[in-house]
Protein backbone atom coordinates (compact mmCIF):
# COMPACT_ATOMS: atom_id res chain seq x y z
CA MET A 1 7.48 2.22 -22.39
CA GLN A 2 4.74 2.59 -24.73
CA MET A 3 1.50 1.57 -23.19
CA GLY A 4 -1.57 -0.18 -25.99
CA PRO A 5 -4.71 1.84 -26.50
CA GLU A 6 -6.37 -0.88 -24.77
CA GLU A 7 -4.06 0.21 -21.74
CA ARG A 8 -4.86 3.73 -22.52
CA LYS A 9 -8.61 3.67 -22.66
CA LEU A 10 -8.30 2.15 -18.94
CA MET A 11 -5.86 4.81 -17.78
CA ARG A 12 -8.42 7.53 -19.81
CA GLU A 13 -11.58 5.67 -17.92
CA ARG A 14 -9.91 5.47 -14.22
CA GLU A 15 -8.69 9.03 -14.57
CA LYS A 16 -12.10 10.09 -15.30
CA ALA A 17 -13.69 7.93 -12.82
CA TYR A 18 -11.61 9.67 -10.25
CA ARG A 19 -12.29 12.83 -11.06
CA ASP A 20 -15.86 12.13 -11.14
CA ARG A 21 -15.23 10.87 -7.66
CA VAL A 22 -14.01 14.11 -6.68
CA LYS A 23 -16.23 16.11 -8.31
CA ILE A 24 -18.27 14.06 -5.92
CA GLU A 25 -16.82 14.91 -3.12
CA VAL A 26 -16.50 18.50 -3.45
CA ASP A 27 -19.45 19.47 -3.93
CA ALA A 28 -20.67 17.92 -1.00
CA ALA A 29 -17.50 19.37 0.75
CA LEU A 30 -19.22 23.22 -0.39
CA ARG A 31 -22.32 21.89 0.42
CA ASP A 32 -22.04 20.49 4.04
CA SER A 33 -19.30 23.90 4.82
CA GLY A 34 -22.61 26.00 4.08
CA LEU A 35 -20.97 28.32 1.49
CA HIS A 36 -22.69 29.33 -1.26
CA LEU A 37 -20.13 30.33 -3.78
CA GLU A 38 -20.71 30.57 -7.34
CA GLY A 39 -18.05 31.51 -10.74
CA GLY A 40 -14.62 32.90 -9.05
CA LYS A 41 -15.13 31.78 -6.16
CA ARG A 42 -16.77 27.95 -6.26
CA GLU A 43 -13.24 27.78 -8.75
CA GLN A 44 -11.53 28.38 -5.83
CA PHE A 45 -13.02 26.52 -3.56
CA GLU A 46 -13.11 23.79 -5.08
CA GLN A 47 -8.74 24.21 -6.51
CA ARG A 48 -7.88 24.63 -2.69
CA TYR A 49 -9.88 21.42 -1.19
CA LEU A 50 -8.24 19.14 -3.90
CA GLN A 51 -4.90 21.01 -2.98
CA GLU A 52 -5.18 20.20 0.49
CA ARG A 53 -5.99 16.70 0.23
CA ARG A 54 -3.06 16.40 -2.08
CA ARG A 55 -1.38 16.96 0.67
CA ILE A 56 -3.52 14.68 2.96
CA GLU A 57 -3.11 12.07 0.23
CA HIS A 58 0.88 12.58 -0.10
CA ALA A 59 1.36 12.75 3.89
CA LEU A 60 -0.86 9.94 4.36
CA ARG A 61 1.57 7.81 1.37
CA GLN A 62 4.84 8.85 3.56
CA GLU A 63 3.12 7.95 7.17
CA SER A 64 1.87 4.93 5.38
CA GLU A 65 5.57 4.13 3.50
CA ALA A 66 7.71 5.43 6.29
CA LYS A 67 5.80 1.63 8.73
CA ARG A 68 5.98 0.17 6.70
CA GLN A 69 10.08 0.00 5.95
CA GLU A 70 9.93 -0.15 9.81
CA GLN A 71 7.99 -2.97 9.47
CA LEU A 72 9.59 -5.45 6.52
CA PRO A 73 12.95 -6.24 8.26
CA ALA A 74 11.24 -7.81 11.32
CA LEU A 75 9.15 -9.33 7.72
CA ARG A 76 11.82 -10.84 6.16
CA GLU A 77 13.36 -12.28 8.81
CA ARG A 78 10.48 -14.36 9.94
CA LEU A 79 10.73 -15.91 6.55
CA LYS A 80 14.17 -16.08 5.99
CA LYS A 81 12.91 -18.66 9.71
CA GLU A 82 10.40 -20.19 8.47
CA PHE A 83 11.86 -21.42 5.04
CA GLN A 84 15.22 -22.10 5.93
CA GLU A 85 16.33 -25.24 5.71
CA PRO A 86 17.36 -27.53 8.32
CA SER A 87 20.76 -27.26 8.43
CA PRO A 88 22.16 -30.98 7.76
CA SER A 89 23.52 -31.51 11.18
CA VAL A 90 20.56 -31.12 13.25
CA THR A 91 18.85 -34.79 10.88
CA SER A 92 21.70 -35.69 12.43
CA THR A 93 21.28 -35.91 15.70
CA SER A 94 17.80 -36.46 15.96
CA ALA A 95 17.97 -40.51 14.84
CA PRO A 96 18.91 -42.34 17.52
CA ALA A 97 22.91 -42.67 18.15
CA ALA A 98 23.72 -46.88 17.20
CA SER A 99 25.45 -48.44 19.73
CA SER A 100 28.84 -50.50 18.93
CA SER A 101 27.90 -53.02 22.26
CA PRO A 102 26.27 -55.94 21.76
CA LYS A 103 22.98 -56.28 23.50
CA LYS A 104 21.80 -58.76 25.70
């Protein structure tokens, strides 16, 4: 599947926004740590921060997906009961039965 020019542009914009946001977070993490790193050490810090961040995000996604999978059977069952058509025998028993003997 190929993306059109607008879709590619949107993906590039999202990626740039993500990188900008992460850059701000890396700078904040470095500032909050109290470290004053320059050059190669700063790049190493950024790489390790991003590596650990990806690891954490991956673990959170797996945890979230596992919880979702646990809850899906109950959801399906609730929806099945909610949207299930009533059986014909249930509707006929709800109407009062006519008496075969005439009333006086």
